[in-house]
């Protein structure tokens, strides 16, 4: 269990799982006592249990090849985000400069 000063929602997965396992065999009164001692609500334990039960065992990459493929895709997406970020910054700079130019020289008047 983490220190009592930390918030239960900030606990890591291992601590949450340990709390679920420790309270699994307790009756309602004992479970409530455990929750009071550790600064928990029974609803939190129920939510954590449901979250652990909803995890699929095959959700993690099965092999190193899959992991490498995911990393490559992540790197490609990060590169694309940086490119788009730069393009957006350039467009914003051009817009600001064009507004400043209009303020200095005014709008074009047709003769």
N, C-alpha and C. Protein backbone atom coordinates (compact mmCIF):
# COMPACT_ATOMS: atom_id res chain seq x y z
N UNK A 1 0.83 -1.18 0.00
CA UNK A 1 0.00 0.00 0.00
C UNK A 1 0.87 1.25 0.00
N UNK A 2 0.48 2.25 -0.76
CA UNK A 2 1.22 3.51 -0.72
C UNK A 2 0.99 4.23 0.60
N UNK A 3 1.74 5.29 0.81
CA UNK A 3 1.58 6.06 2.04
C UNK A 3 0.16 6.57 2.15
N UNK A 4 -0.34 6.69 3.36
CA UNK A 4 -1.72 7.12 3.56
C UNK A 4 -1.97 8.56 3.10
N UNK A 5 -0.89 9.33 2.96
CA UNK A 5 -1.07 10.73 2.57
C UNK A 5 -1.41 10.87 1.08
N UNK A 6 -1.13 9.82 0.27
CA UNK A 6 -1.43 9.93 -1.15
C UNK A 6 -2.90 9.62 -1.41
N UNK A 7 -3.43 10.27 -2.42
CA UNK A 7 -4.83 10.05 -2.79
C UNK A 7 -4.99 8.69 -3.45
N UNK A 8 -6.05 7.96 -3.16
CA UNK A 8 -6.23 6.63 -3.74
C UNK A 8 -6.27 6.64 -5.27
N UNK A 9 -6.77 7.71 -5.88
CA UNK A 9 -6.81 7.75 -7.33
C UNK A 9 -5.42 7.89 -7.94
N UNK A 10 -4.44 8.30 -7.14
CA UNK A 10 -3.07 8.43 -7.61
C UNK A 10 -2.26 7.15 -7.42
N UNK A 11 -2.86 6.13 -6.84
CA UNK A 11 -2.16 4.88 -6.61
C UNK A 11 -1.83 4.23 -7.95
N UNK A 12 -0.75 3.45 -7.98
CA UNK A 12 -0.42 2.73 -9.20
C UNK A 12 -1.27 1.46 -9.29
N UNK A 13 -1.20 0.78 -10.41
CA UNK A 13 -2.03 -0.40 -10.67
C UNK A 13 -1.79 -1.50 -9.65
N UNK A 14 -0.54 -1.68 -9.25
CA UNK A 14 -0.22 -2.76 -8.29
C UNK A 14 -0.89 -2.51 -6.95
N UNK A 15 -0.88 -1.27 -6.49
CA UNK A 15 -1.50 -0.95 -5.20
C UNK A 15 -3.02 -1.12 -5.28
N UNK A 16 -3.59 -0.73 -6.40
CA UNK A 16 -5.04 -0.89 -6.56
C UNK A 16 -5.42 -2.37 -6.58
N UNK A 17 -4.64 -3.16 -7.31
CA UNK A 17 -4.91 -4.59 -7.38
C UNK A 17 -4.73 -5.24 -6.01
N UNK A 18 -3.73 -4.81 -5.25
CA UNK A 18 -3.51 -5.34 -3.91
C UNK A 18 -4.72 -5.03 -3.02
N UNK A 19 -5.26 -3.83 -3.13
CA UNK A 19 -6.44 -3.47 -2.33
C UNK A 19 -7.63 -4.32 -2.72
N UNK A 20 -7.80 -4.58 -4.00
CA UNK A 20 -8.92 -5.42 -4.46
C UNK A 20 -8.77 -6.83 -3.92
N UNK A 21 -7.56 -7.38 -3.97
CA UNK A 21 -7.32 -8.75 -3.50
C UNK A 21 -7.53 -8.84 -1.99
N UNK A 22 -7.04 -7.84 -1.26
CA UNK A 22 -7.17 -7.87 0.20
C UNK A 22 -8.63 -7.76 0.65
N UNK A 23 -9.46 -7.10 -0.12
CA UNK A 23 -10.86 -6.93 0.29
C UNK A 23 -11.80 -7.95 -0.35
N UNK A 24 -11.28 -8.82 -1.19
CA UNK A 24 -12.14 -9.75 -1.91
C UNK A 24 -12.89 -10.69 -0.97
N UNK A 25 -12.24 -11.17 0.07
CA UNK A 25 -12.86 -12.16 0.95
C UNK A 25 -13.54 -11.52 2.16
N UNK A 26 -13.53 -10.22 2.27
CA UNK A 26 -14.12 -9.55 3.43
C UNK A 26 -15.62 -9.35 3.25
N UNK A 27 -16.33 -9.36 4.38
CA UNK A 27 -17.75 -9.03 4.30
C UNK A 27 -17.90 -7.51 4.23
N UNK A 28 -19.11 -7.03 4.13
CA UNK A 28 -19.35 -5.60 3.91
C UNK A 28 -18.82 -4.73 5.05
N UNK A 29 -19.01 -5.17 6.29
CA UNK A 29 -18.54 -4.38 7.44
C UNK A 29 -17.01 -4.34 7.48
N UNK A 30 -16.38 -5.47 7.24
CA UNK A 30 -14.92 -5.51 7.24
C UNK A 30 -14.34 -4.70 6.09
N UNK A 31 -15.02 -4.76 4.96
CA UNK A 31 -14.58 -4.00 3.78
C UNK A 31 -14.69 -2.49 4.05
N UNK A 32 -15.76 -2.09 4.69
CA UNK A 32 -15.93 -0.68 5.03
C UNK A 32 -14.85 -0.22 6.00
N UNK A 33 -14.52 -1.06 6.97
CA UNK A 33 -13.46 -0.74 7.92
C UNK A 33 -12.12 -0.60 7.20
N UNK A 34 -11.84 -1.51 6.29
CA UNK A 34 -10.61 -1.44 5.50
C UNK A 34 -10.55 -0.13 4.72
N UNK A 35 -11.66 0.23 4.11
CA UNK A 35 -11.72 1.46 3.32
C UNK A 35 -11.48 2.69 4.20
N UNK A 36 -12.06 2.72 5.38
CA UNK A 36 -11.83 3.85 6.30
C UNK A 36 -10.36 3.95 6.70
N UNK A 37 -9.74 2.82 6.96
CA UNK A 37 -8.33 2.81 7.37
C UNK A 37 -7.40 3.31 6.27
N UNK A 38 -7.76 3.04 5.02
CA UNK A 38 -6.89 3.38 3.90
C UNK A 38 -7.37 4.61 3.11
N UNK A 39 -8.41 5.26 3.58
CA UNK A 39 -8.89 6.47 2.91
C UNK A 39 -9.56 6.20 1.58
N UNK A 40 -10.27 5.11 1.49
CA UNK A 40 -10.94 4.71 0.26
C UNK A 40 -12.45 4.77 0.41
N UNK A 41 -13.12 4.70 -0.71
CA UNK A 41 -14.56 4.49 -0.73
C UNK A 41 -14.80 3.12 -1.35
N UNK A 42 -15.80 2.40 -0.87
CA UNK A 42 -16.09 1.09 -1.48
C UNK A 42 -16.37 1.19 -2.98
N UNK A 43 -16.93 2.33 -3.41
CA UNK A 43 -17.21 2.52 -4.83
C UNK A 43 -15.92 2.55 -5.65
N UNK A 44 -14.85 3.08 -5.05
CA UNK A 44 -13.57 3.10 -5.75
C UNK A 44 -13.07 1.68 -5.98
N UNK A 45 -13.20 0.84 -4.95
CA UNK A 45 -12.78 -0.55 -5.10
C UNK A 45 -13.58 -1.25 -6.19
N UNK A 46 -14.89 -0.98 -6.22
CA UNK A 46 -15.74 -1.58 -7.24
C UNK A 46 -15.34 -1.11 -8.64
N UNK A 47 -15.05 0.18 -8.77
CA UNK A 47 -14.65 0.72 -10.07
C UNK A 47 -13.31 0.14 -10.52
N UNK A 48 -12.37 0.02 -9.58
CA UNK A 48 -11.07 -0.54 -9.92
C UNK A 48 -11.22 -2.01 -10.35
N UNK A 49 -12.06 -2.74 -9.62
CA UNK A 49 -12.27 -4.14 -9.96
C UNK A 49 -12.88 -4.27 -11.34
N UNK A 50 -13.86 -3.43 -11.65
CA UNK A 50 -14.48 -3.47 -12.98
C UNK A 50 -13.46 -3.12 -14.07
N UNK A 51 -12.59 -2.17 -13.78
CA UNK A 51 -11.57 -1.78 -14.76
C UNK A 51 -10.60 -2.93 -15.02
N UNK A 52 -10.20 -3.63 -13.95
CA UNK A 52 -9.30 -4.76 -14.13
C UNK A 52 -9.98 -5.91 -14.86
N UNK A 53 -11.24 -6.10 -14.60
CA UNK A 53 -11.97 -7.18 -15.26
C UNK A 53 -12.19 -6.89 -16.73
N UNK A 54 -12.29 -5.62 -17.08
CA UNK A 54 -12.55 -5.27 -18.48
C UNK A 54 -11.30 -5.32 -19.35
N UNK A 55 -10.12 -5.43 -18.73
CA UNK A 55 -8.89 -5.53 -19.51
C UNK A 55 -8.84 -6.87 -20.24
N UNK A 56 -8.46 -6.80 -21.51
CA UNK A 56 -8.32 -8.03 -22.28
C UNK A 56 -6.87 -8.49 -22.21
N UNK A 57 -6.63 -9.76 -22.00
CA UNK A 57 -5.25 -10.24 -21.89
C UNK A 57 -4.45 -10.07 -23.18
N UNK A 58 -5.12 -10.03 -24.33
CA UNK A 58 -4.42 -9.91 -25.61
C UNK A 58 -4.31 -8.46 -26.07
N UNK A 59 -4.59 -7.50 -25.20
CA UNK A 59 -4.57 -6.10 -25.62
C UNK A 59 -3.15 -5.57 -25.78
N UNK A 60 -2.17 -6.21 -25.17
CA UNK A 60 -0.78 -5.78 -25.31
C UNK A 60 -0.18 -6.36 -26.59
N UNK A 61 0.82 -5.68 -27.15
CA UNK A 61 1.46 -6.24 -28.35
C UNK A 61 2.02 -7.63 -28.06
N UNK A 62 1.84 -8.53 -29.00
CA UNK A 62 2.19 -9.92 -28.78
C UNK A 62 3.68 -10.19 -28.93
N UNK A 63 4.35 -9.40 -29.73
CA UNK A 63 5.75 -9.70 -29.95
C UNK A 63 6.57 -8.42 -30.07
N UNK A 64 7.87 -8.61 -30.17
CA UNK A 64 8.76 -7.46 -30.32
C UNK A 64 8.53 -6.79 -31.67
N UNK A 65 8.16 -7.57 -32.67
CA UNK A 65 7.89 -7.01 -34.00
C UNK A 65 6.69 -6.06 -33.94
N UNK A 66 5.65 -6.46 -33.22
CA UNK A 66 4.48 -5.60 -33.07
C UNK A 66 4.85 -4.32 -32.32
N UNK A 67 5.65 -4.49 -31.28
CA UNK A 67 6.08 -3.33 -30.50
C UNK A 67 6.90 -2.38 -31.35
N UNK A 68 7.80 -2.92 -32.16
CA UNK A 68 8.62 -2.09 -33.04
C UNK A 68 7.75 -1.37 -34.06
N UNK A 69 6.75 -2.05 -34.57
CA UNK A 69 5.83 -1.44 -35.53
C UNK A 69 5.05 -0.30 -34.89
N UNK A 70 4.61 -0.49 -33.65
CA UNK A 70 3.88 0.56 -32.94
C UNK A 70 4.78 1.77 -32.68
N UNK A 71 6.03 1.50 -32.32
CA UNK A 71 6.97 2.60 -32.09
C UNK A 71 7.23 3.38 -33.37
N UNK A 72 7.36 2.66 -34.48
CA UNK A 72 7.60 3.31 -35.77
C UNK A 72 6.40 4.19 -36.14
N UNK A 73 5.21 3.69 -35.94
CA UNK A 73 3.99 4.45 -36.22
C UNK A 73 3.92 5.68 -35.32
N UNK A 74 4.26 5.52 -34.04
CA UNK A 74 4.25 6.63 -33.10
C UNK A 74 5.24 7.71 -33.53
N UNK A 75 6.43 7.29 -33.93
CA UNK A 75 7.45 8.25 -34.37
C UNK A 75 6.99 8.99 -35.62
N UNK A 76 6.35 8.28 -36.53
CA UNK A 76 5.84 8.90 -37.75
C UNK A 76 4.75 9.93 -37.42
N UNK A 77 3.86 9.59 -36.52
CA UNK A 77 2.79 10.51 -36.13
C UNK A 77 3.34 11.74 -35.41
N UNK A 78 4.33 11.54 -34.56
CA UNK A 78 4.95 12.69 -33.87
C UNK A 78 5.64 13.60 -34.87
N UNK A 79 6.28 13.03 -35.88
CA UNK A 79 6.94 13.82 -36.91
C UNK A 79 5.91 14.64 -37.70
N UNK A 80 4.78 14.02 -38.00
CA UNK A 80 3.72 14.72 -38.72
C UNK A 80 3.13 15.86 -37.88
N UNK A 81 2.98 15.63 -36.60
CA UNK A 81 2.47 16.68 -35.71
C UNK A 81 3.43 17.86 -35.67
N UNK A 82 4.72 17.59 -35.59
CA UNK A 82 5.72 18.67 -35.58
C UNK A 82 5.66 19.47 -36.88
N UNK A 83 5.53 18.78 -38.01
CA UNK A 83 5.45 19.46 -39.30
C UNK A 83 4.23 20.36 -39.37
N UNK A 84 3.09 19.84 -38.92
CA UNK A 84 1.86 20.63 -38.95
C UNK A 84 1.93 21.79 -37.96
N UNK A 85 2.59 21.57 -36.84
CA UNK A 85 2.77 22.63 -35.85
C UNK A 85 3.58 23.79 -36.44
N UNK A 86 4.64 23.44 -37.16
CA UNK A 86 5.46 24.47 -37.79
C UNK A 86 4.68 25.22 -38.86
N UNK A 87 3.90 24.50 -39.65
CA UNK A 87 3.09 25.14 -40.69
C UNK A 87 2.06 26.09 -40.07
N UNK A 88 1.47 25.69 -38.99
CA UNK A 88 0.49 26.53 -38.30
C UNK A 88 1.15 27.78 -37.74
N UNK A 89 2.33 27.64 -37.17
CA UNK A 89 3.06 28.79 -36.64
C UNK A 89 3.42 29.76 -37.76
N UNK A 90 3.82 29.23 -38.90
CA UNK A 90 4.17 30.08 -40.04
C UNK A 90 2.95 30.84 -40.55
N UNK A 91 1.82 30.15 -40.64
CA UNK A 91 0.58 30.80 -41.10
C UNK A 91 0.16 31.90 -40.13
N UNK A 92 0.29 31.65 -38.84
CA UNK A 92 -0.07 32.66 -37.84
C UNK A 92 0.86 33.86 -37.95
N UNK A 93 2.15 33.62 -38.17
CA UNK A 93 3.10 34.73 -38.31
C UNK A 93 2.79 35.56 -39.54
N UNK A 94 2.46 34.92 -40.65
CA UNK A 94 2.11 35.65 -41.87
C UNK A 94 0.85 36.48 -41.67
N UNK A 95 -0.10 35.96 -40.96
CA UNK A 95 -1.34 36.69 -40.70
C UNK A 95 -1.06 37.92 -39.85
N UNK A 96 -0.25 37.77 -38.83
CA UNK A 96 0.10 38.90 -37.96
C UNK A 96 0.85 39.95 -38.75
N UNK A 97 1.81 39.53 -39.58
CA UNK A 97 2.57 40.48 -40.39
C UNK A 97 1.69 41.22 -41.39
N UNK A 98 0.75 40.51 -42.00
CA UNK A 98 -0.13 41.17 -42.96
C UNK A 98 -1.03 42.20 -42.26
N UNK A 99 -1.47 41.90 -41.06
CA UNK A 99 -2.29 42.86 -40.31
C UNK A 99 -1.47 44.09 -39.92
N UNK A 100 -0.20 43.87 -39.54
CA UNK A 100 0.67 44.99 -39.20
C UNK A 100 0.94 45.85 -40.43
N UNK A 101 1.14 45.22 -41.58
CA UNK A 101 1.39 45.97 -42.81
C UNK A 101 0.17 46.81 -43.18
N UNK A 102 -1.01 46.25 -43.02
CA UNK A 102 -2.24 47.01 -43.29
C UNK A 102 -2.36 48.18 -42.33
N UNK A 103 -2.00 47.99 -41.09
CA UNK A 103 -2.10 49.07 -40.11
C UNK A 103 -1.11 50.18 -40.42
N UNK A 104 0.06 49.83 -40.92
CA UNK A 104 1.09 50.84 -41.22
C UNK A 104 0.76 51.56 -42.52
N UNK A 105 0.51 50.84 -43.61
CA UNK A 105 0.34 51.46 -44.92
C UNK A 105 -1.11 51.63 -45.30
N UNK A 106 -2.02 51.07 -44.55
CA UNK A 106 -3.45 51.19 -44.86
C UNK A 106 -3.84 50.22 -45.94
N UNK A 107 -5.11 50.24 -46.29
CA UNK A 107 -5.59 49.32 -47.32
C UNK A 107 -5.35 49.93 -48.69
N UNK A 108 -5.26 49.10 -49.70
CA UNK A 108 -5.06 49.57 -51.07
C UNK A 108 -6.35 50.22 -51.56
N UNK A 109 -6.19 51.40 -52.10
CA UNK A 109 -7.35 52.08 -52.69
C UNK A 109 -7.21 52.03 -54.19
N UNK A 110 -8.26 51.68 -54.85
CA UNK A 110 -8.20 51.62 -56.30
C UNK A 110 -8.50 53.00 -56.85
N UNK A 111 -7.69 53.43 -57.84
CA UNK A 111 -7.87 54.75 -58.43
C UNK A 111 -8.75 54.70 -59.64
